[in-house]
């Protein structure tokens, strides 16, 4: 039986290079029998975390803020794998992705020990340049802190304009990463 995969696509460009990585990943994952649900965060209304620690009272609607995170929470809770997809902005993930990921803390608040649900993850990134080191450092520490299994990373530099990624080997890497999830 396939896994349930949620992709949080933090690119503001719906059809940009990050989305091309997501599409390739999805093709590989679906060919392996997995179900993929993508959330394009750039088209969603998601407020920043208020740090109120008032969430977790209602597992069906864990955050006190009521915005488009309500669409993500059910899929996130059922997901086996969460894929973080983002362009590289100032040497880290986009604000759209960081904002949505911060808001997932409301689900952890549903646990008396504030434990994050056990998940697996992957990181997909596209960038004009090649300075992924800070993001990889953050991502690796995040996975360790919340106890998620990392399936891998596909990092594609040198892609500024929409479509620059076409023909790049990272597209095949993303497809293979999606297919490799067991």
N, C-alpha and C. Protein backbone atom coordinates (compact mmCIF):
# COMPACT_ATOMS: atom_id res chain seq x y z
N UNK A 1 0.85 -1.19 0.00
CA UNK A 1 0.00 0.00 0.00
C UNK A 1 0.88 1.24 0.00
N UNK A 2 0.54 2.20 -0.83
CA UNK A 2 1.33 3.43 -0.96
C UNK A 2 1.18 4.35 0.23
N UNK A 3 2.09 5.28 0.30
CA UNK A 3 2.08 6.28 1.37
C UNK A 3 1.32 7.51 0.93
N UNK A 4 0.86 8.25 1.93
CA UNK A 4 0.21 9.53 1.69
C UNK A 4 1.29 10.60 1.82
N UNK A 5 1.46 11.36 0.76
CA UNK A 5 2.50 12.38 0.71
C UNK A 5 1.84 13.74 0.56
N UNK A 6 2.26 14.69 1.39
CA UNK A 6 1.82 16.07 1.30
C UNK A 6 3.02 16.91 0.88
N UNK A 7 2.83 17.72 -0.14
CA UNK A 7 3.86 18.65 -0.59
C UNK A 7 3.43 20.06 -0.21
N UNK A 8 4.28 20.74 0.54
CA UNK A 8 4.08 22.15 0.85
C UNK A 8 4.98 22.94 -0.10
N UNK A 9 4.38 23.47 -1.15
CA UNK A 9 5.12 24.19 -2.18
C UNK A 9 5.14 25.68 -1.83
N UNK A 10 6.29 26.15 -1.37
CA UNK A 10 6.43 27.53 -0.93
C UNK A 10 6.84 28.51 -2.00
N UNK A 11 6.73 28.14 -3.26
CA UNK A 11 7.10 29.06 -4.32
C UNK A 11 5.95 30.03 -4.60
N UNK A 12 6.26 31.31 -4.80
CA UNK A 12 5.21 32.24 -5.19
C UNK A 12 4.81 32.08 -6.66
N UNK A 13 5.65 31.40 -7.45
CA UNK A 13 5.35 31.18 -8.86
C UNK A 13 4.76 29.78 -9.03
N UNK A 14 3.48 29.75 -9.41
CA UNK A 14 2.78 28.47 -9.51
C UNK A 14 3.40 27.54 -10.52
N UNK A 15 3.98 28.07 -11.58
CA UNK A 15 4.56 27.24 -12.63
C UNK A 15 6.06 27.48 -12.77
N UNK A 16 6.70 27.80 -11.68
CA UNK A 16 8.13 28.08 -11.70
C UNK A 16 8.99 26.82 -11.59
N UNK A 17 10.26 27.03 -11.34
CA UNK A 17 11.23 25.94 -11.29
C UNK A 17 11.01 25.02 -10.09
N UNK A 18 10.60 25.57 -8.96
CA UNK A 18 10.29 24.74 -7.80
C UNK A 18 9.12 23.82 -8.12
N UNK A 19 8.12 24.35 -8.79
CA UNK A 19 6.97 23.54 -9.16
C UNK A 19 7.34 22.44 -10.15
N UNK A 20 8.33 22.70 -11.00
CA UNK A 20 8.81 21.65 -11.91
C UNK A 20 9.45 20.51 -11.13
N UNK A 21 10.19 20.85 -10.07
CA UNK A 21 10.75 19.81 -9.20
C UNK A 21 9.64 19.01 -8.53
N UNK A 22 8.62 19.72 -8.06
CA UNK A 22 7.48 19.06 -7.42
C UNK A 22 6.79 18.13 -8.41
N UNK A 23 6.59 18.60 -9.63
CA UNK A 23 5.93 17.77 -10.64
C UNK A 23 6.72 16.49 -10.90
N UNK A 24 8.03 16.61 -11.03
CA UNK A 24 8.87 15.43 -11.26
C UNK A 24 8.81 14.48 -10.07
N UNK A 25 8.88 15.04 -8.85
CA UNK A 25 8.78 14.23 -7.64
C UNK A 25 7.45 13.48 -7.62
N UNK A 26 6.37 14.20 -7.91
CA UNK A 26 5.03 13.62 -7.92
C UNK A 26 4.94 12.46 -8.90
N UNK A 27 5.49 12.64 -10.10
CA UNK A 27 5.47 11.57 -11.11
C UNK A 27 6.14 10.31 -10.57
N UNK A 28 7.30 10.49 -9.95
CA UNK A 28 8.00 9.34 -9.38
C UNK A 28 7.22 8.69 -8.25
N UNK A 29 6.69 9.51 -7.36
CA UNK A 29 5.95 8.99 -6.21
C UNK A 29 4.68 8.27 -6.64
N UNK A 30 3.95 8.86 -7.57
CA UNK A 30 2.71 8.22 -8.02
C UNK A 30 3.00 6.94 -8.80
N UNK A 31 4.11 6.91 -9.52
CA UNK A 31 4.47 5.67 -10.24
C UNK A 31 4.81 4.54 -9.27
N UNK A 32 5.18 4.90 -8.05
CA UNK A 32 5.50 3.91 -7.02
C UNK A 32 4.27 3.56 -6.18
N UNK A 33 3.10 4.11 -6.54
CA UNK A 33 1.87 3.78 -5.84
C UNK A 33 1.50 4.68 -4.69
N UNK A 34 2.16 5.81 -4.56
CA UNK A 34 1.86 6.75 -3.48
C UNK A 34 0.81 7.77 -3.93
N UNK A 35 0.13 8.35 -2.96
CA UNK A 35 -0.84 9.42 -3.21
C UNK A 35 -0.19 10.74 -2.82
N UNK A 36 -0.23 11.71 -3.72
CA UNK A 36 0.41 13.00 -3.48
C UNK A 36 -0.63 14.11 -3.48
N UNK A 37 -0.62 14.91 -2.42
CA UNK A 37 -1.47 16.09 -2.32
C UNK A 37 -0.54 17.29 -2.20
N UNK A 38 -0.68 18.23 -3.12
CA UNK A 38 0.18 19.42 -3.11
C UNK A 38 -0.62 20.63 -2.67
N UNK A 39 -0.01 21.43 -1.82
CA UNK A 39 -0.57 22.72 -1.43
C UNK A 39 0.36 23.79 -1.96
N UNK A 40 -0.13 24.60 -2.90
CA UNK A 40 0.65 25.72 -3.41
C UNK A 40 0.38 26.90 -2.48
N UNK A 41 1.31 27.14 -1.59
CA UNK A 41 1.14 28.11 -0.52
C UNK A 41 1.02 29.54 -1.03
N UNK A 42 1.59 29.81 -2.21
CA UNK A 42 1.52 31.14 -2.78
C UNK A 42 0.11 31.58 -3.11
N UNK A 43 -0.80 30.65 -3.26
CA UNK A 43 -2.18 30.97 -3.57
C UNK A 43 -3.11 30.82 -2.38
N UNK A 44 -2.53 30.68 -1.20
CA UNK A 44 -3.33 30.47 0.00
C UNK A 44 -3.17 31.64 0.97
N UNK A 45 -4.19 31.86 1.77
CA UNK A 45 -4.14 32.89 2.81
C UNK A 45 -3.75 32.21 4.12
N UNK A 46 -2.48 32.38 4.50
CA UNK A 46 -1.96 31.76 5.72
C UNK A 46 -1.28 32.85 6.54
N UNK A 47 -1.82 33.10 7.71
CA UNK A 47 -1.24 34.09 8.60
C UNK A 47 -0.03 33.53 9.32
N UNK A 48 0.83 34.40 9.77
CA UNK A 48 1.98 33.98 10.56
C UNK A 48 1.56 33.48 11.93
N UNK A 49 2.39 32.63 12.51
CA UNK A 49 2.13 32.13 13.86
C UNK A 49 2.18 33.30 14.84
N UNK A 50 1.25 33.33 15.76
CA UNK A 50 1.19 34.38 16.76
C UNK A 50 1.98 34.03 18.02
N UNK A 51 2.45 32.80 18.11
CA UNK A 51 3.19 32.39 19.30
C UNK A 51 2.32 32.40 20.54
N UNK A 52 1.03 32.21 20.37
CA UNK A 52 0.09 32.32 21.50
C UNK A 52 0.02 31.04 22.33
N UNK A 53 0.48 29.93 21.76
CA UNK A 53 0.40 28.63 22.44
C UNK A 53 -1.03 28.33 22.91
N UNK A 54 -2.01 28.81 22.16
CA UNK A 54 -3.41 28.58 22.51
C UNK A 54 -4.04 27.52 21.62
N UNK A 55 -3.27 26.94 20.73
CA UNK A 55 -3.79 25.90 19.85
C UNK A 55 -3.87 24.56 20.56
N UNK A 56 -4.19 23.54 19.81
CA UNK A 56 -4.20 22.19 20.35
C UNK A 56 -5.42 21.81 21.15
N UNK A 57 -6.40 22.67 21.21
CA UNK A 57 -7.60 22.35 21.99
C UNK A 57 -8.57 21.48 21.19
N UNK A 58 -8.52 21.62 19.86
CA UNK A 58 -9.44 20.90 18.99
C UNK A 58 -8.62 20.22 17.90
N UNK A 59 -8.45 18.91 17.97
CA UNK A 59 -7.64 18.22 16.95
C UNK A 59 -8.15 18.40 15.52
N UNK A 60 -9.45 18.65 15.35
CA UNK A 60 -10.00 18.86 14.01
C UNK A 60 -9.66 20.24 13.47
N UNK A 61 -9.43 21.19 14.33
CA UNK A 61 -9.10 22.56 13.95
C UNK A 61 -8.10 23.09 14.98
N UNK A 62 -6.83 22.65 14.89
CA UNK A 62 -5.90 22.84 15.99
C UNK A 62 -5.45 24.26 16.29
N UNK A 63 -5.49 25.17 15.34
CA UNK A 63 -5.01 26.53 15.57
C UNK A 63 -6.17 27.47 15.86
N UNK A 64 -5.93 28.47 16.69
CA UNK A 64 -6.97 29.45 16.99
C UNK A 64 -7.24 30.36 15.80
N UNK A 65 -6.26 30.51 14.90
CA UNK A 65 -6.47 31.29 13.69
C UNK A 65 -7.22 30.44 12.67
N UNK A 66 -8.15 31.03 12.00
CA UNK A 66 -8.94 30.31 11.00
C UNK A 66 -8.64 30.90 9.63
N UNK A 67 -7.77 30.23 8.91
CA UNK A 67 -7.39 30.66 7.57
C UNK A 67 -7.18 29.41 6.73
N UNK A 68 -6.42 29.49 5.66
CA UNK A 68 -6.27 28.34 4.77
C UNK A 68 -5.45 27.19 5.35
N UNK A 69 -4.87 27.35 6.52
CA UNK A 69 -4.23 26.21 7.18
C UNK A 69 -5.26 25.12 7.48
N UNK A 70 -6.53 25.52 7.58
CA UNK A 70 -7.61 24.56 7.82
C UNK A 70 -7.68 23.52 6.70
N UNK A 71 -7.21 23.88 5.50
CA UNK A 71 -7.17 22.94 4.38
C UNK A 71 -5.98 21.99 4.50
N UNK A 72 -4.91 22.47 5.11
CA UNK A 72 -3.68 21.69 5.21
C UNK A 72 -3.71 20.72 6.38
N UNK A 73 -4.24 21.14 7.52
CA UNK A 73 -4.19 20.32 8.73
C UNK A 73 -4.69 18.89 8.54
N UNK A 74 -5.85 18.64 7.93
CA UNK A 74 -6.30 17.25 7.80
C UNK A 74 -5.35 16.39 6.97
N UNK A 75 -4.87 16.94 5.87
CA UNK A 75 -3.94 16.18 5.01
C UNK A 75 -2.62 15.96 5.73
N UNK A 76 -2.15 16.95 6.44
CA UNK A 76 -0.89 16.84 7.19
C UNK A 76 -0.99 15.75 8.25
N UNK A 77 -2.09 15.73 8.98
CA UNK A 77 -2.25 14.74 10.04
C UNK A 77 -2.26 13.31 9.49
N UNK A 78 -2.83 13.11 8.30
CA UNK A 78 -2.90 11.78 7.69
C UNK A 78 -1.63 11.40 6.92
N UNK A 79 -0.81 12.39 6.61
CA UNK A 79 0.36 12.15 5.75
C UNK A 79 1.42 11.29 6.43
N UNK A 80 2.05 10.46 5.62
CA UNK A 80 3.23 9.72 6.05
C UNK A 80 4.49 10.52 5.77
N UNK A 81 4.45 11.27 4.67
CA UNK A 81 5.62 12.02 4.20
C UNK A 81 5.20 13.46 3.94
N UNK A 82 6.04 14.41 4.38
CA UNK A 82 5.82 15.82 4.12
C UNK A 82 7.03 16.34 3.33
N UNK A 83 6.76 16.83 2.13
CA UNK A 83 7.82 17.35 1.28
C UNK A 83 7.82 18.87 1.38
N UNK A 84 8.97 19.41 1.71
CA UNK A 84 9.14 20.85 1.76
C UNK A 84 9.75 21.29 0.44
N UNK A 85 9.05 22.13 -0.30
CA UNK A 85 9.52 22.60 -1.60
C UNK A 85 9.57 24.12 -1.59
N UNK A 86 10.70 24.67 -2.05
CA UNK A 86 10.86 26.12 -1.97
C UNK A 86 11.95 26.61 -2.90
N UNK A 87 11.79 27.84 -3.39
CA UNK A 87 12.95 28.48 -3.99
C UNK A 87 13.88 28.92 -2.86
N UNK A 88 15.10 29.18 -3.18
CA UNK A 88 16.07 29.68 -2.21
C UNK A 88 15.96 31.20 -2.17
N UNK A 89 15.53 31.73 -1.04
CA UNK A 89 15.40 33.17 -0.84
C UNK A 89 16.32 33.59 0.29
N UNK A 90 17.28 34.43 -0.01
CA UNK A 90 18.22 34.91 0.99
C UNK A 90 18.77 33.76 1.82
N UNK A 91 19.20 32.71 1.15
CA UNK A 91 19.91 31.57 1.69
C UNK A 91 19.07 30.68 2.59
N UNK A 92 17.74 30.71 2.40
CA UNK A 92 16.88 29.81 3.16
C UNK A 92 15.57 29.60 2.39
N UNK A 93 14.62 28.95 3.04
CA UNK A 93 13.33 28.69 2.41
C UNK A 93 12.52 29.98 2.31
N UNK A 94 11.51 29.96 1.46
CA UNK A 94 10.65 31.14 1.29
C UNK A 94 9.84 31.42 2.55
N UNK A 95 9.40 32.65 2.67
CA UNK A 95 8.54 33.02 3.80
C UNK A 95 7.23 32.26 3.79
N UNK A 96 6.72 31.96 2.59
CA UNK A 96 5.45 31.23 2.49
C UNK A 96 5.58 29.85 3.15
N UNK A 97 6.68 29.16 2.88
CA UNK A 97 6.88 27.83 3.46
C UNK A 97 7.16 27.91 4.95
N UNK A 98 7.99 28.85 5.36
CA UNK A 98 8.31 28.98 6.78
C UNK A 98 7.06 29.31 7.59
N UNK A 99 6.24 30.18 7.06
CA UNK A 99 5.00 30.56 7.74
C UNK A 99 4.09 29.35 7.94
N UNK A 100 3.87 28.58 6.87
CA UNK A 100 3.00 27.40 6.97
C UNK A 100 3.59 26.36 7.91
N UNK A 101 4.90 26.13 7.81
CA UNK A 101 5.51 25.11 8.66
C UNK A 101 5.42 25.52 10.13
N UNK A 102 5.65 26.79 10.43
CA UNK A 102 5.52 27.26 11.82
C UNK A 102 4.12 26.98 12.35
N UNK A 103 3.12 27.15 11.53
CA UNK A 103 1.74 26.95 11.95
C UNK A 103 1.40 25.48 12.22
N UNK A 104 2.22 24.55 11.75
CA UNK A 104 2.00 23.14 12.05
C UNK A 104 2.21 22.83 13.54
N UNK A 105 2.83 23.76 14.25
CA UNK A 105 3.03 23.57 15.68
C UNK A 105 1.70 23.38 16.42
N UNK A 106 0.64 23.94 15.89
CA UNK A 106 -0.68 23.77 16.52
C UNK A 106 -1.06 22.30 16.62
N UNK A 107 -0.62 21.49 15.66
CA UNK A 107 -0.90 20.05 15.72
C UNK A 107 -0.10 19.42 16.86
N UNK A 108 1.15 19.84 17.03
CA UNK A 108 1.96 19.33 18.15
C UNK A 108 1.34 19.72 19.48
N UNK A 109 0.69 20.87 19.52
CA UNK A 109 0.05 21.31 20.75
C UNK A 109 -1.11 20.40 21.17
N UNK A 110 -1.60 19.58 20.26
CA UNK A 110 -2.66 18.63 20.59
C UNK A 110 -2.13 17.49 21.47
N UNK A 111 -0.83 17.30 21.47
CA UNK A 111 -0.20 16.27 22.30
C UNK A 111 0.19 16.89 23.64
N UNK A 112 -0.09 16.20 24.76
CA UNK A 112 0.24 16.77 26.07
C UNK A 112 1.73 17.10 26.24
N UNK A 113 2.58 16.42 25.49
CA UNK A 113 4.02 16.67 25.57
C UNK A 113 4.52 17.53 24.41
N UNK A 114 3.61 18.10 23.67
CA UNK A 114 3.94 18.93 22.50
C UNK A 114 4.79 18.16 21.49
N UNK A 115 4.54 16.88 21.36
CA UNK A 115 5.29 16.05 20.42
C UNK A 115 4.74 16.23 19.01
N UNK A 116 5.64 16.41 18.07
CA UNK A 116 5.22 16.47 16.67
C UNK A 116 4.84 15.07 16.20
N UNK A 117 3.87 14.98 15.30
CA UNK A 117 3.53 13.67 14.75
C UNK A 117 4.75 13.09 14.02
N UNK A 118 4.90 11.78 14.05
CA UNK A 118 6.03 11.13 13.37
C UNK A 118 5.76 11.13 11.87
N UNK A 119 6.68 11.70 11.14
CA UNK A 119 6.56 11.81 9.68
C UNK A 119 7.92 11.50 9.05
N UNK A 120 7.89 11.43 7.74
CA UNK A 120 9.10 11.35 6.93
C UNK A 120 9.10 12.60 6.06
N UNK A 121 10.24 12.95 5.50
CA UNK A 121 10.29 14.20 4.77
C UNK A 121 11.31 14.16 3.64
N UNK A 122 11.20 15.15 2.76
CA UNK A 122 12.18 15.39 1.70
C UNK A 122 12.19 16.89 1.45
N UNK A 123 13.29 17.36 0.87
CA UNK A 123 13.46 18.79 0.58
C UNK A 123 13.73 18.96 -0.90
N UNK A 124 12.95 19.82 -1.55
CA UNK A 124 13.13 20.15 -2.96
C UNK A 124 13.35 21.66 -3.06
N UNK A 125 14.44 22.08 -3.71
CA UNK A 125 14.71 23.52 -3.83
C UNK A 125 15.30 23.87 -5.18
N UNK A 126 14.92 25.05 -5.65
CA UNK A 126 15.48 25.63 -6.87
C UNK A 126 16.02 27.01 -6.51
N UNK A 127 17.08 27.44 -7.22
CA UNK A 127 17.68 28.73 -6.91
C UNK A 127 18.42 29.31 -8.10
N UNK A 128 18.50 30.62 -8.08
CA UNK A 128 19.31 31.33 -9.08
C UNK A 128 20.78 30.95 -8.91
N UNK A 129 21.23 30.92 -7.65
CA UNK A 129 22.61 30.59 -7.35
C UNK A 129 22.76 29.17 -6.84
N UNK A 130 23.70 28.98 -5.94
CA UNK A 130 23.97 27.63 -5.42
C UNK A 130 24.26 27.62 -3.93
N UNK A 131 23.81 28.59 -3.17
CA UNK A 131 24.13 28.67 -1.75
C UNK A 131 23.12 27.98 -0.86
N UNK A 132 23.04 26.67 -0.94
CA UNK A 132 22.05 25.90 -0.18
C UNK A 132 22.51 25.52 1.23
N UNK A 133 23.75 25.81 1.59
CA UNK A 133 24.32 25.29 2.84
C UNK A 133 23.50 25.66 4.08
N UNK A 134 23.07 26.91 4.17
CA UNK A 134 22.31 27.34 5.35
C UNK A 134 20.97 26.62 5.45
N UNK A 135 20.31 26.43 4.30
CA UNK A 135 19.03 25.73 4.32
C UNK A 135 19.21 24.26 4.67
N UNK A 136 20.23 23.64 4.13
CA UNK A 136 20.49 22.23 4.45
C UNK A 136 20.79 22.09 5.93
N UNK A 137 21.56 23.02 6.49
CA UNK A 137 21.85 23.01 7.94
C UNK A 137 20.55 23.10 8.73
N UNK A 138 19.69 24.07 8.37
CA UNK A 138 18.41 24.24 9.06
C UNK A 138 17.55 22.99 8.93
N UNK A 139 17.42 22.48 7.71
CA UNK A 139 16.57 21.32 7.46
C UNK A 139 17.07 20.09 8.24
N UNK A 140 18.36 19.83 8.20
CA UNK A 140 18.90 18.68 8.93
C UNK A 140 18.65 18.80 10.43
N UNK A 141 18.82 19.99 10.98
CA UNK A 141 18.56 20.20 12.42
C UNK A 141 17.08 20.05 12.72
N UNK A 142 16.24 20.56 11.83
CA UNK A 142 14.79 20.43 12.01
C UNK A 142 14.39 18.97 12.05
N UNK A 143 14.87 18.18 11.10
CA UNK A 143 14.52 16.76 11.06
C UNK A 143 14.96 16.07 12.35
N UNK A 144 16.15 16.38 12.82
CA UNK A 144 16.63 15.79 14.07
C UNK A 144 15.79 16.21 15.27
N UNK A 145 15.44 17.48 15.31
CA UNK A 145 14.69 18.00 16.46
C UNK A 145 13.28 17.41 16.54
N UNK A 146 12.60 17.32 15.40
CA UNK A 146 11.22 16.82 15.44
C UNK A 146 11.15 15.31 15.21
N UNK A 147 12.30 14.69 14.95
CA UNK A 147 12.35 13.23 14.85
C UNK A 147 11.81 12.66 13.56
N UNK A 148 11.88 13.42 12.47
CA UNK A 148 11.39 12.92 11.19
C UNK A 148 12.52 12.26 10.42
N UNK A 149 12.16 11.25 9.63
CA UNK A 149 13.12 10.58 8.76
C UNK A 149 13.27 11.40 7.48
N UNK A 150 14.50 11.65 7.07
CA UNK A 150 14.78 12.38 5.84
C UNK A 150 15.00 11.41 4.70
N UNK A 151 14.18 11.52 3.64
CA UNK A 151 14.35 10.68 2.46
C UNK A 151 15.38 11.24 1.50
N UNK A 152 15.67 12.53 1.61
CA UNK A 152 16.68 13.11 0.74
C UNK A 152 16.35 14.52 0.31
N UNK A 153 17.28 15.09 -0.46
CA UNK A 153 17.17 16.46 -0.91
C UNK A 153 17.51 16.53 -2.39
N UNK A 154 16.80 17.38 -3.11
CA UNK A 154 17.15 17.72 -4.48
C UNK A 154 17.29 19.23 -4.52
N UNK A 155 18.49 19.69 -4.81
CA UNK A 155 18.82 21.11 -4.79
C UNK A 155 19.32 21.51 -6.17
N UNK A 156 18.58 22.36 -6.85
CA UNK A 156 18.91 22.73 -8.23
C UNK A 156 19.26 24.20 -8.31
N UNK A 157 20.52 24.50 -8.50
CA UNK A 157 20.97 25.88 -8.66
C UNK A 157 21.06 26.28 -10.13
N UNK A 158 21.23 27.58 -10.34
CA UNK A 158 21.40 28.09 -11.69
C UNK A 158 20.12 28.19 -12.49
N UNK A 159 19.00 28.35 -11.81
CA UNK A 159 17.70 28.42 -12.50
C UNK A 159 16.93 29.64 -12.03
N UNK A 160 17.04 30.73 -12.75
CA UNK A 160 16.39 31.97 -12.35
C UNK A 160 15.02 32.13 -13.02
N UNK A 161 15.00 32.17 -14.33
CA UNK A 161 13.76 32.41 -15.06
C UNK A 161 12.91 31.14 -15.10
N UNK A 162 11.60 31.33 -15.17
CA UNK A 162 10.68 30.20 -15.30
C UNK A 162 11.12 29.37 -16.50
N UNK A 163 11.26 28.07 -16.29
CA UNK A 163 11.65 27.16 -17.36
C UNK A 163 13.13 26.88 -17.45
N UNK A 164 13.94 27.63 -16.71
CA UNK A 164 15.40 27.39 -16.73
C UNK A 164 15.75 25.97 -16.29
N UNK A 165 14.88 25.35 -15.54
CA UNK A 165 15.17 24.01 -15.00
C UNK A 165 15.03 22.91 -16.05
N UNK A 166 14.35 23.21 -17.15
CA UNK A 166 14.13 22.18 -18.17
C UNK A 166 15.48 21.61 -18.65
N UNK A 167 15.56 20.29 -18.69
CA UNK A 167 16.77 19.61 -19.12
C UNK A 167 17.82 19.43 -18.04
N UNK A 168 17.57 19.95 -16.85
CA UNK A 168 18.52 19.80 -15.75
C UNK A 168 18.39 18.40 -15.14
N UNK A 169 19.52 17.81 -14.73
CA UNK A 169 19.47 16.46 -14.16
C UNK A 169 18.70 16.38 -12.83
N UNK A 170 18.53 17.51 -12.17
CA UNK A 170 17.79 17.50 -10.90
C UNK A 170 16.33 17.10 -11.07
N UNK A 171 15.77 17.32 -12.25
CA UNK A 171 14.39 16.87 -12.48
C UNK A 171 14.30 15.34 -12.40
N UNK A 172 15.26 14.67 -12.98
CA UNK A 172 15.30 13.21 -12.90
C UNK A 172 15.59 12.76 -11.47
N UNK A 173 16.45 13.51 -10.77
CA UNK A 173 16.73 13.20 -9.36
C UNK A 173 15.47 13.29 -8.53
N UNK A 174 14.66 14.33 -8.77
CA UNK A 174 13.41 14.49 -8.03
C UNK A 174 12.45 13.34 -8.32
N UNK A 175 12.39 12.93 -9.57
CA UNK A 175 11.51 11.82 -9.95
C UNK A 175 11.97 10.54 -9.26
N UNK A 176 13.27 10.30 -9.25
CA UNK A 176 13.83 9.10 -8.59
C UNK A 176 13.60 9.16 -7.09
N UNK A 177 13.72 10.36 -6.50
CA UNK A 177 13.47 10.51 -5.06
C UNK A 177 12.03 10.13 -4.74
N UNK A 178 11.09 10.63 -5.53
CA UNK A 178 9.68 10.28 -5.31
C UNK A 178 9.44 8.79 -5.42
N UNK A 179 10.07 8.16 -6.41
CA UNK A 179 9.88 6.72 -6.62
C UNK A 179 10.58 5.88 -5.54
N UNK A 180 11.59 6.45 -4.88
CA UNK A 180 12.38 5.68 -3.91
C UNK A 180 11.70 5.55 -2.55
N UNK A 181 10.68 6.34 -2.30
CA UNK A 181 10.03 6.30 -0.99
C UNK A 181 9.32 4.97 -0.83
N UNK A 182 9.57 4.35 0.31
CA UNK A 182 8.99 3.03 0.60
C UNK A 182 8.17 3.09 1.86
